[in-house]
Amino acid sequence: MKYKDFFSVEFISLLNEKLSGSIETDGIDPDEDLQNSYVDIEDILQKMGFEVQYEELVGVSGQLNANNNIIINKKEVEERQRFTMAHELGHAFQGQVIAFRKKDSSSYPEKDQKDEIFANKFAAQLLMPKALVVNYAEEYIKEKSLNQNKLTANSVDEIISHLAEKLKVSVQSMRFRSENLNLFIKTAE
């Protein structure tokens, strides 16, 4: 699967234009193959000219600093670190030069909450692109011989856990993303 199979060429071009313009990088090649079953956010950041550093941070999951430097809290689990990297990239996409992701999102001033919502949505869509989520869900349903028209709550939980593992995100993030995509329709049991 190539990047252009799950991100539009327009989106990739916009990412390259907005994020790698000030630094000499090639950016993301739409025809490049995905090397893993998941979106490798560290690879994308490198292609965009960002440097990722891991440090022990207090009260924050990560931060975007000047000079395309993203610092990630090394004490957090990998899935949280990956989401934070994508979140900080979302802030850079907005044109911010300095930003940070607090562990408690309710503590942001009201004026900053819109930026945080944007960065979270950006991260979710980047790490869990619809085409990959749907493809992997369909593969799993077929592999397990599930009836996609009559999935039980347990089957849905099983699929979401599988997708989270495959895409290297938390189960909670995958659950939110599947709800936003209307991946599973709730029916009376």
C-alpha atoms as a PDB file:
ATOM      1  CA  MET A   1       0.000   0.000   0.000  1.00  0.00           C
ATOM      2  CA  LYS A   2       1.325   3.436  -0.930  1.00  0.00           C
ATOM      3  CA  TYR A   3       0.851   6.716   0.950  1.00  0.00           C
ATOM      4  CA  LYS A   4      -1.507   7.883  -1.792  1.00  0.00           C
ATOM      5  CA  ASP A   5      -3.691   4.818  -1.170  1.00  0.00           C
ATOM      6  CA  PHE A   6      -4.795   6.150   2.211  1.00  0.00           C
ATOM      7  CA  PHE A   7      -4.026   9.895   2.027  1.00  0.00           C
ATOM      8  CA  SER A   8      -5.132  12.024  -0.888  1.00  0.00           C
ATOM      9  CA  VAL A   9      -2.361  13.379  -3.099  1.00  0.00           C
ATOM     10  CA  GLU A  10      -3.733  16.863  -2.336  1.00  0.00           C
ATOM     11  CA  PHE A  11      -3.309  16.305   1.408  1.00  0.00           C
ATOM     12  CA  ILE A  12       0.235  14.987   0.955  1.00  0.00           C
ATOM     13  CA  SER A  13       1.096  18.003  -1.222  1.00  0.00           C
ATOM     14  CA  LEU A  14      -0.380  20.367   1.368  1.00  0.00           C
ATOM     15  CA  LEU A  15       1.611  18.680   4.141  1.00  0.00           C
ATOM     16  CA  ASN A  16       4.796  18.947   2.107  1.00  0.00           C
ATOM     17  CA  GLU A  17       4.095  22.567   1.210  1.00  0.00           C
ATOM     18  CA  LYS A  18       3.147  23.726   4.707  1.00  0.00           C
ATOM     19  CA  LEU A  19       5.671  21.775   6.726  1.00  0.00           C
ATOM     20  CA  SER A  20       8.817  21.255   4.716  1.00  0.00           C
ATOM     21  CA  GLY A  21       8.977  24.636   3.001  1.00  0.00           C
ATOM     22  CA  SER A  22      11.537  26.226   5.315  1.00  0.00           C
ATOM     23  CA  ILE A  23      13.836  23.206   5.485  1.00  0.00           C
ATOM     24  CA  GLU A  24      15.537  21.311   2.690  1.00  0.00           C
ATOM     25  CA  THR A  25      13.631  18.028   2.718  1.00  0.00           C
ATOM     26  CA  ASP A  26      11.945  15.927   0.097  1.00  0.00           C
ATOM     27  CA  GLY A  27       8.833  15.535   2.203  1.00  0.00           C
ATOM     28  CA  ILE A  28       6.476  12.612   1.699  1.00  0.00           C
ATOM     29  CA  ASP A  29       6.447  10.833  -1.659  1.00  0.00           C
ATOM     30  CA  PRO A  30       2.844   9.805  -2.462  1.00  0.00           C
ATOM     31  CA  ASP A  31       4.167   6.779  -4.394  1.00  0.00           C
ATOM     32  CA  GLU A  32       6.276   5.476  -1.499  1.00  0.00           C
ATOM     33  CA  ASP A  33       5.138   2.192   0.011  1.00  0.00           C
ATOM     34  CA  LEU A  34       3.985   2.023   3.604  1.00  0.00           C
ATOM     35  CA  GLN A  35       6.754   0.060   5.321  1.00  0.00           C
ATOM     36  CA  ASN A  36       4.602  -1.195   8.219  1.00  0.00           C
ATOM     37  CA  SER A  37       0.951  -1.953   8.895  1.00  0.00           C
ATOM     38  CA  TYR A  38       0.715   1.465  10.549  1.00  0.00           C
ATOM     39  CA  VAL A  39       1.575   5.070   9.731  1.00  0.00           C
ATOM     40  CA  ASP A  40       5.149   5.577  10.896  1.00  0.00           C
ATOM     41  CA  ILE A  41       4.839   9.045  12.402  1.00  0.00           C
ATOM     42  CA  GLU A  42       8.532   9.280  13.276  1.00  0.00           C
ATOM     43  CA  ASP A  43       9.427   8.563   9.645  1.00  0.00           C
ATOM     44  CA  ILE A  44       6.965  11.221   8.475  1.00  0.00           C
ATOM     45  CA  LEU A  45       8.386  13.739  10.934  1.00  0.00           C
ATOM     46  CA  GLN A  46      11.898  13.006   9.702  1.00  0.00           C
ATOM     47  CA  LYS A  47      10.785  13.430   6.084  1.00  0.00           C
ATOM     48  CA  MET A  48       9.235  16.757   7.056  1.00  0.00           C
ATOM     49  CA  GLY A  49      12.456  17.974   8.679  1.00  0.00           C
ATOM     50  CA  PHE A  50      11.428  17.545  12.325  1.00  0.00           C
ATOM     51  CA  GLU A  51      13.697  16.183  15.026  1.00  0.00           C
ATOM     52  CA  VAL A  52      12.124  14.053  17.764  1.00  0.00           C
ATOM     53  CA  GLN A  53      13.715  13.913  21.201  1.00  0.00           C
ATOM     54  CA  TYR A  54      12.623  11.865  24.196  1.00  0.00           C
ATOM     55  CA  GLU A  55      12.902  13.456  27.624  1.00  0.00           C
ATOM     56  CA  GLU A  56      11.278  13.151  31.006  1.00  0.00           C
ATOM     57  CA  LEU A  57       8.589  15.836  31.054  1.00  0.00           C
ATOM     58  CA  VAL A  58       6.396  16.856  33.970  1.00  0.00           C
ATOM     59  CA  GLY A  59       2.712  17.537  33.337  1.00  0.00           C
ATOM     60  CA  VAL A  60       2.955  17.409  29.540  1.00  0.00           C
ATOM     61  CA  SER A  61       3.020  14.634  26.965  1.00  0.00           C
ATOM     62  CA  GLY A  62       5.037  16.562  24.438  1.00  0.00           C
ATOM     63  CA  GLN A  63       5.912  19.918  23.008  1.00  0.00           C
ATOM     64  CA  LEU A  64       6.714  21.583  19.728  1.00  0.00           C
ATOM     65  CA  ASN A  65       9.654  23.963  19.879  1.00  0.00           C
ATOM     66  CA  ALA A  66      11.174  26.358  17.403  1.00  0.00           C
ATOM     67  CA  ASN A  67      13.451  24.860  14.753  1.00  0.00           C
ATOM     68  CA  ASN A  68      11.078  21.923  14.112  1.00  0.00           C
ATOM     69  CA  ASN A  69      11.971  20.173  17.344  1.00  0.00           C
ATOM     70  CA  ILE A  70       9.383  17.904  19.004  1.00  0.00           C
ATOM     71  CA  ILE A  71      10.053  16.686  22.524  1.00  0.00           C
ATOM     72  CA  ILE A  72       8.133  13.605  23.690  1.00  0.00           C
ATOM     73  CA  ASN A  73       7.656  12.431  27.268  1.00  0.00           C
ATOM     74  CA  LYS A  74       9.723   9.250  27.436  1.00  0.00           C
ATOM     75  CA  LYS A  75       7.733   7.979  30.443  1.00  0.00           C
ATOM     76  CA  GLU A  76       4.531   7.495  28.440  1.00  0.00           C
ATOM     77  CA  VAL A  77       3.513   4.387  26.514  1.00  0.00           C
ATOM     78  CA  GLU A  78       4.397   4.110  22.833  1.00  0.00           C
ATOM     79  CA  GLU A  79       0.816   4.630  21.616  1.00  0.00           C
ATOM     80  CA  ARG A  80       0.526   7.880  23.577  1.00  0.00           C
ATOM     81  CA  GLN A  81       3.934   9.015  22.317  1.00  0.00           C
ATOM     82  CA  ARG A  82       2.922   8.359  18.704  1.00  0.00           C
ATOM     83  CA  PHE A  83      -0.349  10.253  19.136  1.00  0.00           C
ATOM     84  CA  THR A  84       1.507  13.156  20.764  1.00  0.00           C
ATOM     85  CA  MET A  85       3.961  13.335  17.846  1.00  0.00           C
ATOM     86  CA  ALA A  86       1.065  13.532  15.390  1.00  0.00           C
ATOM     87  CA  HIS A  87      -0.705  16.052  17.652  1.00  0.00           C
ATOM     88  CA  GLU A  88       2.347  18.336  17.691  1.00  0.00           C
ATOM     89  CA  LEU A  89       2.633  17.980  13.918  1.00  0.00           C
ATOM     90  CA  GLY A  90      -0.968  19.199  13.787  1.00  0.00           C
ATOM     91  CA  HIS A  91       0.058  22.353  15.644  1.00  0.00           C
ATOM     92  CA  ALA A  92       2.921  22.867  13.180  1.00  0.00           C
ATOM     93  CA  PHE A  93       0.439  22.376  10.326  1.00  0.00           C
ATOM     94  CA  GLN A  94      -1.598  25.225  11.845  1.00  0.00           C
ATOM     95  CA  GLY A  95       1.490  27.419  11.621  1.00  0.00           C
ATOM     96  CA  GLN A  96       2.345  27.335  15.307  1.00  0.00           C
ATOM     97  CA  VAL A  97       6.013  27.341  16.184  1.00  0.00           C
ATOM     98  CA  ILE A  98       5.665  26.588  19.894  1.00  0.00           C
ATOM     99  CA  ALA A  99       2.990  24.376  21.467  1.00  0.00           C
ATOM    100  CA  PHE A 100       2.669  21.679  24.104  1.00  0.00           C
ATOM    101  CA  ARG A 101       0.262  18.898  24.911  1.00  0.00           C
ATOM    102  CA  LYS A 102      -0.846  18.738  28.517  1.00  0.00           C
ATOM    103  CA  LYS A 103      -1.880  15.438  30.025  1.00  0.00           C
ATOM    104  CA  ASP A 104      -5.181  17.008  31.124  1.00  0.00           C
ATOM    105  CA  SER A 105      -6.834  18.657  28.121  1.00  0.00           C
ATOM    106  CA  SER A 106      -9.541  20.281  30.269  1.00  0.00           C
ATOM    107  CA  SER A 107      -6.974  22.653  31.780  1.00  0.00           C
ATOM    108  CA  TYR A 108      -6.468  24.663  28.568  1.00  0.00           C
ATOM    109  CA  PRO A 109      -7.783  28.201  28.424  1.00  0.00           C
ATOM    110  CA  GLU A 110     -10.917  28.434  26.281  1.00  0.00           C
ATOM    111  CA  LYS A 111      -9.091  30.274  23.489  1.00  0.00           C
ATOM    112  CA  ASP A 112      -6.583  27.389  23.142  1.00  0.00           C
ATOM    113  CA  GLN A 113      -9.156  24.598  23.152  1.00  0.00           C
ATOM    114  CA  LYS A 114      -9.975  25.004  19.428  1.00  0.00           C
ATOM    115  CA  ASP A 115      -6.307  24.530  18.547  1.00  0.00           C
ATOM    116  CA  GLU A 116      -6.174  21.438  20.765  1.00  0.00           C
ATOM    117  CA  ILE A 117      -9.297  19.982  19.166  1.00  0.00           C
ATOM    118  CA  PHE A 118      -7.804  20.586  15.716  1.00  0.00           C
ATOM    119  CA  ALA A 119      -4.475  18.962  16.694  1.00  0.00           C
ATOM    120  CA  ASN A 120      -6.285  15.935  18.152  1.00  0.00           C
ATOM    121  CA  LYS A 121      -8.423  15.485  15.024  1.00  0.00           C
ATOM    122  CA  PHE A 122      -5.366  15.937  12.823  1.00  0.00           C
ATOM    123  CA  ALA A 123      -3.480  13.279  14.815  1.00  0.00           C
ATOM    124  CA  ALA A 124      -6.396  10.834  14.684  1.00  0.00           C
ATOM    125  CA  GLN A 125      -6.827  11.221  10.936  1.00  0.00           C
ATOM    126  CA  LEU A 126      -3.084  10.966  10.322  1.00  0.00           C
ATOM    127  CA  LEU A 127      -2.509   7.858  12.449  1.00  0.00           C
ATOM    128  CA  MET A 128      -5.819   6.170  11.644  1.00  0.00           C
ATOM    129  CA  PRO A 129      -6.645   7.092   8.034  1.00  0.00           C
ATOM    130  CA  LYS A 130     -10.105   5.955   7.012  1.00  0.00           C
ATOM    131  CA  ALA A 131      -8.852   3.764   4.155  1.00  0.00           C
ATOM    132  CA  LEU A 132      -6.512   1.808   6.446  1.00  0.00           C
ATOM    133  CA  VAL A 133      -9.082   1.450   9.224  1.00  0.00           C
ATOM    134  CA  VAL A 134     -11.763   0.187   6.845  1.00  0.00           C
ATOM    135  CA  ASN A 135      -9.335  -2.122   5.018  1.00  0.00           C
ATOM    136  CA  TYR A 136      -8.041  -3.721   8.226  1.00  0.00           C
ATOM    137  CA  ALA A 137     -11.543  -4.033   9.694  1.00  0.00           C
ATOM    138  CA  GLU A 138     -12.794  -5.776   6.540  1.00  0.00           C
ATOM    139  CA  GLU A 139      -9.776  -8.110   6.525  1.00  0.00           C
ATOM    140  CA  TYR A 140     -10.353  -9.047  10.165  1.00  0.00           C
ATOM    141  CA  ILE A 141     -14.088  -9.638   9.685  1.00  0.00           C
ATOM    142  CA  LYS A 142     -13.350 -11.895   6.725  1.00  0.00           C
ATOM    143  CA  GLU A 143     -10.487 -13.715   8.489  1.00  0.00           C
ATOM    144  CA  LYS A 144     -12.685 -14.430  11.540  1.00  0.00           C
ATOM    145  CA  SER A 145     -15.728 -15.288   9.360  1.00  0.00           C
ATOM    146  CA  LEU A 146     -17.865 -12.701  11.130  1.00  0.00           C
ATOM    147  CA  ASN A 147     -21.176 -11.522   9.698  1.00  0.00           C
ATOM    148  CA  GLN A 148     -20.508  -7.830   9.103  1.00  0.00           C
ATOM    149  CA  ASN A 149     -24.258  -7.137   9.113  1.00  0.00           C
ATOM    150  CA  LYS A 150     -24.737  -8.660  12.587  1.00  0.00           C
ATOM    151  CA  LEU A 151     -21.706  -7.829  14.693  1.00  0.00           C
ATOM    152  CA  THR A 152     -22.133  -8.227  18.431  1.00  0.00           C
ATOM    153  CA  ALA A 153     -20.801  -5.724  20.940  1.00  0.00           C
ATOM    154  CA  ASN A 154     -18.067  -8.252  21.790  1.00  0.00           C
ATOM    155  CA  SER A 155     -17.134  -8.620  18.109  1.00  0.00           C
ATOM    156  CA  VAL A 156     -16.912  -4.847  17.729  1.00  0.00           C
ATOM    157  CA  ASP A 157     -14.672  -4.633  20.819  1.00  0.00           C
ATOM    158  CA  GLU A 158     -12.499  -7.408  19.380  1.00  0.00           C
ATOM    159  CA  ILE A 159     -12.214  -5.612  16.014  1.00  0.00           C
ATOM    160  CA  ILE A 160     -11.373  -2.289  17.688  1.00  0.00           C
ATOM    161  CA  SER A 161      -8.656  -3.961  19.779  1.00  0.00           C
ATOM    162  CA  HIS A 162      -7.234  -5.589  16.652  1.00  0.00           C
ATOM    163  CA  LEU A 163      -7.255  -2.271  14.774  1.00  0.00           C
ATOM    164  CA  ALA A 164      -5.578  -0.467  17.688  1.00  0.00           C
ATOM    165  CA  GLU A 165      -2.824  -3.072  17.792  1.00  0.00           C
ATOM    166  CA  LYS A 166      -2.376  -3.052  14.003  1.00  0.00           C
ATOM    167  CA  LEU A 167      -2.225   0.759  13.797  1.00  0.00           C
ATOM    168  CA  LYS A 168      -0.203   1.155  17.037  1.00  0.00           C
ATOM    169  CA  VAL A 169      -2.699   3.438  18.742  1.00  0.00           C
ATOM    170  CA  SER A 170      -4.575   3.103  22.017  1.00  0.00           C
ATOM    171  CA  VAL A 171      -7.854   1.207  22.130  1.00  0.00           C
ATOM    172  CA  GLN A 172      -9.539   4.395  23.369  1.00  0.00           C
ATOM    173  CA  SER A 173      -8.245   6.386  20.365  1.00  0.00           C
ATOM    174  CA  MET A 174      -9.340   3.631  17.997  1.00  0.00           C
ATOM    175  CA  ARG A 175     -12.778   3.527  19.607  1.00  0.00           C
ATOM    176  CA  PHE A 176     -13.205   7.303  19.146  1.00  0.00           C
ATOM    177  CA  ARG A 177     -11.973   7.091  15.559  1.00  0.00           C
ATOM    178  CA  SER A 178     -14.310   4.197  14.680  1.00  0.00           C
ATOM    179  CA  GLU A 179     -17.223   6.179  16.161  1.00  0.00           C
ATOM    180  CA  ASN A 180     -16.252   9.278  14.158  1.00  0.00           C
ATOM    181  CA  LEU A 181     -16.083   7.162  11.000  1.00  0.00           C
ATOM    182  CA  ASN A 182     -19.426   5.483  11.820  1.00  0.00           C
ATOM    183  CA  LEU A 183     -17.577   2.226  11.242  1.00  0.00           C
ATOM    184  CA  PHE A 184     -20.046   0.166  13.231  1.00  0.00           C
ATOM    185  CA  ILE A 185     -23.765   0.844  13.306  1.00  0.00           C
ATOM    186  CA  LYS A 186     -25.398   0.126  16.631  1.00  0.00           C
ATOM    187  CA  THR A 187     -28.483  -2.019  16.370  1.00  0.00           C
ATOM    188  CA  ALA A 188     -30.876  -3.472  18.889  1.00  0.00           C
ATOM    189  CA  GLU A 189     -29.663  -6.894  19.977  1.00  0.00           C
END
